[in-house]
C-alpha atoms as a PDB file:
ATOM      1  CA  UNK A   1       8.069 -73.793  -0.748  1.00  0.00           C
ATOM      2  CA  UNK A   2       4.843 -73.619   1.282  1.00  0.00           C
ATOM      3  CA  UNK A   3       1.593 -71.990   0.202  1.00  0.00           C
ATOM      4  CA  UNK A   4       2.267 -68.609   1.817  1.00  0.00           C
ATOM      5  CA  UNK A   5       5.763 -68.403   0.326  1.00  0.00           C
ATOM      6  CA  UNK A   6       4.384 -69.218  -3.130  1.00  0.00           C
ATOM      7  CA  UNK A   7       1.667 -66.550  -2.890  1.00  0.00           C
ATOM      8  CA  UNK A   8       4.219 -63.958  -1.765  1.00  0.00           C
ATOM      9  CA  UNK A   9       6.651 -64.948  -4.539  1.00  0.00           C
ATOM     10  CA  UNK A  10       4.046 -65.087  -7.358  1.00  0.00           C
ATOM     11  CA  UNK A  11       1.320 -62.512  -6.587  1.00  0.00           C
ATOM     12  CA  UNK A  12       1.050 -61.344 -10.217  1.00  0.00           C
ATOM     13  CA  UNK A  13       0.482 -64.872 -11.536  1.00  0.00           C
ATOM     14  CA  UNK A  14      -2.203 -65.641  -8.950  1.00  0.00           C
ATOM     15  CA  UNK A  15      -3.922 -62.286  -9.589  1.00  0.00           C
ATOM     16  CA  UNK A  16      -3.835 -62.741 -13.383  1.00  0.00           C
ATOM     17  CA  UNK A  17      -5.266 -66.256 -13.183  1.00  0.00           C
ATOM     18  CA  UNK A  18      -7.905 -65.080 -10.681  1.00  0.00           C
ATOM     19  CA  UNK A  19      -9.018 -62.350 -13.095  1.00  0.00           C
ATOM     20  CA  UNK A  20      -9.143 -64.908 -15.933  1.00  0.00           C
ATOM     21  CA  UNK A  21     -11.234 -67.150 -13.684  1.00  0.00           C
ATOM     22  CA  UNK A  22     -13.663 -64.327 -12.852  1.00  0.00           C
ATOM     23  CA  UNK A  23     -13.869 -63.317 -16.518  1.00  0.00           C
ATOM     24  CA  UNK A  24     -14.709 -66.834 -17.730  1.00  0.00           C
ATOM     25  CA  UNK A  25     -17.265 -67.476 -14.979  1.00  0.00           C
ATOM     26  CA  UNK A  26     -18.826 -64.001 -15.221  1.00  0.00           C
ATOM     27  CA  UNK A  27     -19.202 -64.074 -19.008  1.00  0.00           C
ATOM     28  CA  UNK A  28     -20.715 -67.562 -18.872  1.00  0.00           C
ATOM     29  CA  UNK A  29     -23.297 -66.599 -16.246  1.00  0.00           C
ATOM     30  CA  UNK A  30     -24.052 -63.405 -18.158  1.00  0.00           C
ATOM     31  CA  UNK A  31     -24.847 -65.388 -21.304  1.00  0.00           C
ATOM     32  CA  UNK A  32     -26.943 -67.845 -19.268  1.00  0.00           C
ATOM     33  CA  UNK A  33     -28.950 -64.926 -17.819  1.00  0.00           C
ATOM     34  CA  UNK A  34     -29.527 -63.364 -21.259  1.00  0.00           C
ATOM     35  CA  UNK A  35     -30.810 -66.707 -22.568  1.00  0.00           C
ATOM     36  CA  UNK A  36     -32.492 -67.980 -19.405  1.00  0.00           C
ATOM     37  CA  UNK A  37     -34.535 -64.899 -18.475  1.00  0.00           C
ATOM     38  CA  UNK A  38     -36.748 -64.636 -21.586  1.00  0.00           C
ATOM     39  CA  UNK A  39     -36.838 -68.412 -22.034  1.00  0.00           C
ATOM     40  CA  UNK A  40     -37.858 -68.859 -18.390  1.00  0.00           C
ATOM     41  CA  UNK A  41     -40.664 -66.343 -18.789  1.00  0.00           C
ATOM     42  CA  UNK A  42     -41.832 -68.120 -21.964  1.00  0.00           C
ATOM     43  CA  UNK A  43     -41.980 -71.575 -20.375  1.00  0.00           C
ATOM     44  CA  UNK A  44     -43.694 -70.175 -17.272  1.00  0.00           C
ATOM     45  CA  UNK A  45     -46.557 -69.260 -19.580  1.00  0.00           C
ATOM     46  CA  UNK A  46     -46.635 -72.746 -21.161  1.00  0.00           C
ATOM     47  CA  UNK A  47     -46.334 -75.615 -18.626  1.00  0.00           C
ATOM     48  CA  UNK A  48     -46.243 -78.277 -21.367  1.00  0.00           C
ATOM     49  CA  UNK A  49     -43.274 -76.542 -22.998  1.00  0.00           C
ATOM     50  CA  UNK A  50     -41.593 -76.152 -19.584  1.00  0.00           C
ATOM     51  CA  UNK A  51     -41.301 -79.923 -19.124  1.00  0.00           C
ATOM     52  CA  UNK A  52     -39.625 -80.328 -22.517  1.00  0.00           C
ATOM     53  CA  UNK A  53     -37.216 -77.391 -22.154  1.00  0.00           C
ATOM     54  CA  UNK A  54     -36.230 -78.113 -18.544  1.00  0.00           C
ATOM     55  CA  UNK A  55     -35.785 -81.813 -19.353  1.00  0.00           C
ATOM     56  CA  UNK A  56     -33.530 -80.972 -22.300  1.00  0.00           C
ATOM     57  CA  UNK A  57     -31.394 -78.497 -20.336  1.00  0.00           C
ATOM     58  CA  UNK A  58     -31.240 -80.880 -17.368  1.00  0.00           C
ATOM     59  CA  UNK A  59     -29.844 -83.608 -19.630  1.00  0.00           C
ATOM     60  CA  UNK A  60     -26.720 -81.484 -20.172  1.00  0.00           C
ATOM     61  CA  UNK A  61     -25.797 -82.059 -16.520  1.00  0.00           C
ATOM     62  CA  UNK A  62     -25.670 -85.803 -17.164  1.00  0.00           C
ATOM     63  CA  UNK A  63     -22.623 -85.234 -19.396  1.00  0.00           C
ATOM     64  CA  UNK A  64     -19.372 -84.873 -17.395  1.00  0.00           C
ATOM     65  CA  UNK A  65     -17.773 -81.451 -17.900  1.00  0.00           C
ATOM     66  CA  UNK A  66     -14.567 -82.789 -19.452  1.00  0.00           C
ATOM     67  CA  UNK A  67     -16.590 -84.919 -21.843  1.00  0.00           C
ATOM     68  CA  UNK A  68     -18.639 -81.866 -22.865  1.00  0.00           C
ATOM     69  CA  UNK A  69     -15.424 -79.959 -23.573  1.00  0.00           C
ATOM     70  CA  UNK A  70     -14.345 -82.895 -25.722  1.00  0.00           C
ATOM     71  CA  UNK A  71     -17.604 -82.839 -27.707  1.00  0.00           C
ATOM     72  CA  UNK A  72     -17.226 -79.101 -28.340  1.00  0.00           C
ATOM     73  CA  UNK A  73     -13.783 -79.597 -29.911  1.00  0.00           C
ATOM     74  CA  UNK A  74     -15.595 -80.825 -33.043  1.00  0.00           C
ATOM     75  CA  UNK A  75     -17.852 -77.744 -33.302  1.00  0.00           C
ATOM     76  CA  UNK A  76     -16.638 -75.310 -36.012  1.00  0.00           C
ATOM     77  CA  UNK A  77     -15.381 -71.931 -34.734  1.00  0.00           C
ATOM     78  CA  UNK A  78     -16.177 -72.874 -31.108  1.00  0.00           C
ATOM     79  CA  UNK A  79     -13.619 -75.691 -30.948  1.00  0.00           C
ATOM     80  CA  UNK A  80     -10.884 -73.481 -32.415  1.00  0.00           C
ATOM     81  CA  UNK A  81     -10.412 -71.457 -29.231  1.00  0.00           C
ATOM     82  CA  UNK A  82     -10.302 -72.890 -25.715  1.00  0.00           C
ATOM     83  CA  UNK A  83     -11.830 -69.806 -23.977  1.00  0.00           C
ATOM     84  CA  UNK A  84     -14.775 -69.833 -26.406  1.00  0.00           C
ATOM     85  CA  UNK A  85     -15.333 -73.506 -25.769  1.00  0.00           C
ATOM     86  CA  UNK A  86     -15.112 -73.035 -21.998  1.00  0.00           C
ATOM     87  CA  UNK A  87     -17.610 -70.144 -22.019  1.00  0.00           C
ATOM     88  CA  UNK A  88     -20.127 -72.115 -24.082  1.00  0.00           C
ATOM     89  CA  UNK A  89     -19.828 -75.209 -21.873  1.00  0.00           C
ATOM     90  CA  UNK A  90     -20.099 -73.159 -18.677  1.00  0.00           C
ATOM     91  CA  UNK A  91     -23.116 -71.268 -20.050  1.00  0.00           C
ATOM     92  CA  UNK A  92     -24.870 -74.559 -20.763  1.00  0.00           C
ATOM     93  CA  UNK A  93     -24.123 -75.835 -17.250  1.00  0.00           C
ATOM     94  CA  UNK A  94     -25.282 -72.643 -15.524  1.00  0.00           C
ATOM     95  CA  UNK A  95     -28.438 -72.221 -17.604  1.00  0.00           C
ATOM     96  CA  UNK A  96     -30.507 -74.763 -15.644  1.00  0.00           C
ATOM     97  CA  UNK A  97     -30.679 -73.051 -12.207  1.00  0.00           C
ATOM     98  CA  UNK A  98     -31.433 -69.693 -13.817  1.00  0.00           C
ATOM     99  CA  UNK A  99     -34.065 -71.115 -16.153  1.00  0.00           C
ATOM    100  CA  UNK A 100     -35.711 -73.150 -13.387  1.00  0.00           C
ATOM    101  CA  UNK A 101     -35.865 -70.246 -10.943  1.00  0.00           C
ATOM    102  CA  UNK A 102     -37.150 -67.747 -13.487  1.00  0.00           C
ATOM    103  CA  UNK A 103     -39.937 -70.176 -14.365  1.00  0.00           C
ATOM    104  CA  UNK A 104     -40.688 -70.894 -10.690  1.00  0.00           C
ATOM    105  CA  UNK A 105     -40.595 -67.216  -9.746  1.00  0.00           C
ATOM    106  CA  UNK A 106     -42.975 -66.093 -12.498  1.00  0.00           C
ATOM    107  CA  UNK A 107     -45.306 -69.070 -11.936  1.00  0.00           C
ATOM    108  CA  UNK A 108     -45.336 -68.391  -8.190  1.00  0.00           C
ATOM    109  CA  UNK A 109     -46.712 -64.857  -8.456  1.00  0.00           C
ATOM    110  CA  UNK A 110     -50.167 -64.673  -6.849  1.00  0.00           C
ATOM    111  CA  UNK A 111     -52.781 -64.869  -9.661  1.00  0.00           C
ATOM    112  CA  UNK A 112     -54.929 -62.364  -7.742  1.00  0.00           C
ATOM    113  CA  UNK A 113     -52.156 -59.779  -8.020  1.00  0.00           C
ATOM    114  CA  UNK A 114     -51.871 -60.406 -11.757  1.00  0.00           C
ATOM    115  CA  UNK A 115     -55.632 -60.087 -12.178  1.00  0.00           C
ATOM    116  CA  UNK A 116     -55.589 -56.836 -10.230  1.00  0.00           C
ATOM    117  CA  UNK A 117     -52.949 -55.529 -12.632  1.00  0.00           C
ATOM    118  CA  UNK A 118     -55.075 -56.522 -15.602  1.00  0.00           C
ATOM    119  CA  UNK A 119     -58.035 -54.758 -13.986  1.00  0.00           C
ATOM    120  CA  UNK A 120     -55.952 -51.579 -13.892  1.00  0.00           C
ATOM    121  CA  UNK A 121     -55.464 -51.862 -17.650  1.00  0.00           C
ATOM    122  CA  UNK A 122     -51.861 -53.067 -17.701  1.00  0.00           C
ATOM    123  CA  UNK A 123     -50.748 -54.850 -20.846  1.00  0.00           C
ATOM    124  CA  UNK A 124     -48.976 -58.243 -20.719  1.00  0.00           C
ATOM    125  CA  UNK A 125     -45.598 -56.523 -21.073  1.00  0.00           C
ATOM    126  CA  UNK A 126     -46.387 -54.011 -18.359  1.00  0.00           C
ATOM    127  CA  UNK A 127     -47.586 -56.786 -16.052  1.00  0.00           C
ATOM    128  CA  UNK A 128     -44.318 -58.633 -16.584  1.00  0.00           C
ATOM    129  CA  UNK A 129     -42.063 -55.624 -15.985  1.00  0.00           C
ATOM    130  CA  UNK A 130     -44.027 -53.918 -13.196  1.00  0.00           C
ATOM    131  CA  UNK A 131     -45.597 -56.829 -11.327  1.00  0.00           C
ATOM    132  CA  UNK A 132     -44.306 -60.326 -12.110  1.00  0.00           C
ATOM    133  CA  UNK A 133     -40.553 -59.746 -12.435  1.00  0.00           C
ATOM    134  CA  UNK A 134     -40.289 -57.496  -9.334  1.00  0.00           C
ATOM    135  CA  UNK A 135     -42.197 -60.069  -7.245  1.00  0.00           C
ATOM    136  CA  UNK A 136     -40.148 -62.956  -8.646  1.00  0.00           C
ATOM    137  CA  UNK A 137     -36.789 -61.191  -8.341  1.00  0.00           C
ATOM    138  CA  UNK A 138     -35.771 -62.859  -5.071  1.00  0.00           C
ATOM    139  CA  UNK A 139     -36.320 -66.324  -6.549  1.00  0.00           C
ATOM    140  CA  UNK A 140     -34.489 -65.347  -9.753  1.00  0.00           C
ATOM    141  CA  UNK A 141     -31.477 -64.056  -7.807  1.00  0.00           C
ATOM    142  CA  UNK A 142     -31.412 -67.370  -5.891  1.00  0.00           C
ATOM    143  CA  UNK A 143     -31.007 -69.151  -9.232  1.00  0.00           C
ATOM    144  CA  UNK A 144     -28.267 -66.752 -10.321  1.00  0.00           C
ATOM    145  CA  UNK A 145     -26.532 -67.363  -6.984  1.00  0.00           C
ATOM    146  CA  UNK A 146     -26.438 -71.116  -7.632  1.00  0.00           C
ATOM    147  CA  UNK A 147     -25.280 -70.523 -11.217  1.00  0.00           C
ATOM    148  CA  UNK A 148     -22.395 -68.247 -10.161  1.00  0.00           C
ATOM    149  CA  UNK A 149     -21.064 -70.683  -7.550  1.00  0.00           C
ATOM    150  CA  UNK A 150     -21.413 -73.544 -10.040  1.00  0.00           C
ATOM    151  CA  UNK A 151     -19.557 -71.554 -12.721  1.00  0.00           C
ATOM    152  CA  UNK A 152     -16.676 -70.691 -10.391  1.00  0.00           C
ATOM    153  CA  UNK A 153     -16.256 -74.362  -9.502  1.00  0.00           C
ATOM    154  CA  UNK A 154     -16.445 -75.758 -13.045  1.00  0.00           C
ATOM    155  CA  UNK A 155     -14.141 -73.031 -14.411  1.00  0.00           C
ATOM    156  CA  UNK A 156     -11.257 -74.726 -12.601  1.00  0.00           C
ATOM    157  CA  UNK A 157     -11.750 -77.746 -14.905  1.00  0.00           C
ATOM    158  CA  UNK A 158     -11.612 -75.499 -17.986  1.00  0.00           C
ATOM    159  CA  UNK A 159      -7.865 -75.180 -17.440  1.00  0.00           C
ATOM    160  CA  UNK A 160      -7.580 -78.774 -18.660  1.00  0.00           C
ATOM    161  CA  UNK A 161      -8.289 -77.532 -22.206  1.00  0.00           C
ATOM    162  CA  UNK A 162      -6.042 -74.474 -21.900  1.00  0.00           C
ATOM    163  CA  UNK A 163      -8.791 -71.924 -21.182  1.00  0.00           C
ATOM    164  CA  UNK A 164      -6.902 -70.371 -18.258  1.00  0.00           C
ATOM    165  CA  UNK A 165      -8.080 -69.572 -14.771  1.00  0.00           C
ATOM    166  CA  UNK A 166      -7.016 -70.809 -11.357  1.00  0.00           C
ATOM    167  CA  UNK A 167      -7.340 -74.409 -12.499  1.00  0.00           C
ATOM    168  CA  UNK A 168      -3.963 -73.985 -14.220  1.00  0.00           C
ATOM    169  CA  UNK A 169      -2.271 -73.892 -10.809  1.00  0.00           C
ATOM    170  CA  UNK A 170      -4.281 -76.894  -9.620  1.00  0.00           C
ATOM    171  CA  UNK A 171      -3.446 -79.038 -12.666  1.00  0.00           C
ATOM    172  CA  UNK A 172       0.190 -77.937 -12.576  1.00  0.00           C
ATOM    173  CA  UNK A 173       0.357 -78.846  -8.899  1.00  0.00           C
ATOM    174  CA  UNK A 174      -1.177 -82.265  -9.567  1.00  0.00           C
ATOM    175  CA  UNK A 175       1.353 -82.928 -12.341  1.00  0.00           C
ATOM    176  CA  UNK A 176       4.257 -81.913 -10.113  1.00  0.00           C
ATOM    177  CA  UNK A 177       2.788 -83.467  -6.929  1.00  0.00           C
ATOM    178  CA  UNK A 178       3.102 -80.027  -5.342  1.00  0.00           C
ATOM    179  CA  UNK A 179       0.571 -79.272  -2.605  1.00  0.00           C
ATOM    180  CA  UNK A 180       1.449 -75.573  -2.508  1.00  0.00           C
ATOM    181  CA  UNK A 181       0.588 -75.121  -6.183  1.00  0.00           C
ATOM    182  CA  UNK A 182      -2.673 -77.031  -5.754  1.00  0.00           C
ATOM    183  CA  UNK A 183      -3.730 -74.883  -2.798  1.00  0.00           C
ATOM    184  CA  UNK A 184      -2.558 -71.691  -4.551  1.00  0.00           C
ATOM    185  CA  UNK A 185      -5.248 -72.389  -7.160  1.00  0.00           C
ATOM    186  CA  UNK A 186      -7.873 -74.010  -4.965  1.00  0.00           C
ATOM    187  CA  UNK A 187      -7.845 -71.431  -2.144  1.00  0.00           C
ATOM    188  CA  UNK A 188      -8.573 -68.322  -4.288  1.00  0.00           C
ATOM    189  CA  UNK A 189     -11.245 -70.278  -6.213  1.00  0.00           C
ATOM    190  CA  UNK A 190     -12.916 -71.300  -2.942  1.00  0.00           C
ATOM    191  CA  UNK A 191     -12.738 -67.725  -1.626  1.00  0.00           C
ATOM    192  CA  UNK A 192     -14.294 -66.400  -4.855  1.00  0.00           C
ATOM    193  CA  UNK A 193     -17.140 -68.906  -4.533  1.00  0.00           C
ATOM    194  CA  UNK A 194     -17.738 -68.016  -0.873  1.00  0.00           C
ATOM    195  CA  UNK A 195     -17.661 -64.281  -1.614  1.00  0.00           C
ATOM    196  CA  UNK A 196     -20.110 -64.644  -4.514  1.00  0.00           C
ATOM    197  CA  UNK A 197     -22.414 -66.884  -2.484  1.00  0.00           C
ATOM    198  CA  UNK A 198     -22.510 -64.585   0.539  1.00  0.00           C
ATOM    199  CA  UNK A 199     -22.961 -61.403  -1.546  1.00  0.00           C
ATOM    200  CA  UNK A 200     -25.776 -62.817  -3.663  1.00  0.00           C
ATOM    201  CA  UNK A 201     -27.290 -64.479  -0.581  1.00  0.00           C
ATOM    202  CA  UNK A 202     -27.449 -61.058   1.102  1.00  0.00           C
ATOM    203  CA  UNK A 203     -29.051 -59.547  -2.022  1.00  0.00           C
ATOM    204  CA  UNK A 204     -31.539 -62.418  -2.241  1.00  0.00           C
ATOM    205  CA  UNK A 205     -32.549 -61.906   1.390  1.00  0.00           C
ATOM    206  CA  UNK A 206     -33.084 -58.177   0.894  1.00  0.00           C
ATOM    207  CA  UNK A 207     -35.234 -58.755  -2.181  1.00  0.00           C
ATOM    208  CA  UNK A 208     -37.367 -61.373  -0.424  1.00  0.00           C
ATOM    209  CA  UNK A 209     -37.941 -58.956   2.475  1.00  0.00           C
ATOM    210  CA  UNK A 210     -39.361 -56.390   0.062  1.00  0.00           C
ATOM    211  CA  UNK A 211     -41.983 -58.802  -1.322  1.00  0.00           C
END
């Protein structure tokens, strides 16, 4: 059975695994944004702290993804469920580009603009919400774009621990030496990554044009 025949014969399976893949990657990036946005703003204000935090988060990328999944098996509550473990690992991997770009975006705002805002009587919170974040939004979206593509790619490996997603087809195809199964998982994953990259790239470009 070739790739096209398999997709025609098993559309429900491919769709279900694709939705699982999107769910795992989307939830992971969402958590990384919730953590990375305020933390990125905080370290942008404190350069000394930025080196420590970015160095710590960067060290996570030294650990291979499968090894990180293995370490998380020993964590209470997290290691009990494969999807939980996959989401935590993916959130840790996708945190760095978001954190780095939030810090870079806030730090890159023209000090003269910030001073002008202070001269108008804006508080620190108002400056952040009305001046700094809007001006840094294009850079922040660029970090989210990298994080989303990274999450979609690493989510395929999460199938190795039973977390679901399109990686199930890839690993099953490798075990059976079946090219059609491998491509049935790899092709939708690649298309998801390309779609996310192009969509967020378009949004990034529009935001940069407005600055």
